[in-house]
Amino acid sequence: MKAKNWSKTEVKVTRSSERQHWTFGEKVADSIAEFGGSWTFLILFFLFLLCWMGINVVAIKRHPFDPYPFILLNLILSCIAAVQAPIILMSQRRKEAKDRVQSQYDYQVNLKAELEIRQLHEKVDELKKAHELHLEFLVRIEQKITKEIAEKRV
């Protein structure tokens, strides 16, 4: 009984994500999403808000460019949120695409590893069978020699 020849079964493992070229807009979206979700952004944005309010409340008491309810600041914050949300969504979609490609690559690598393990199991089984046959042959020779020695003594 001959083991299946797994060497004919090939799995082609490639990283298709290395072949894909992302557009300038996608790269910018990734950069903005990465910066927008960082502590650096949060701290800088908080400092910007404090400066804005400080300048309008304390520094320019007579003619503030955005008095207390800070309507201009609210408009700016709304515009930032309106622009930042779709950019983050675009970046997340791209990240999902990268993850899909990575998971496909991982699957291919795992499949190839499984096939190689099967090959190793089959080789070990073949070696074990050959070893058993060799041992059986040695046992027959030993029995034959033992029988011949016993016959000579009689």
Foldseek 3Di string as FASTA:
>chain_A
DADDDLVVVDFDFDQVVVVDDDDPLLVVLLVLLVLCPDPVVVVVVVVVVVVLVCCQVPVCPPDRPQHDVRPVVVVVVVVCVVVNVVSNVSNVVVVVVSVVSVVVNVVSVVVRVVSVVVVVVSVVVVVVVVVVVVVVVVVVVVVVVVVVVVVVVD
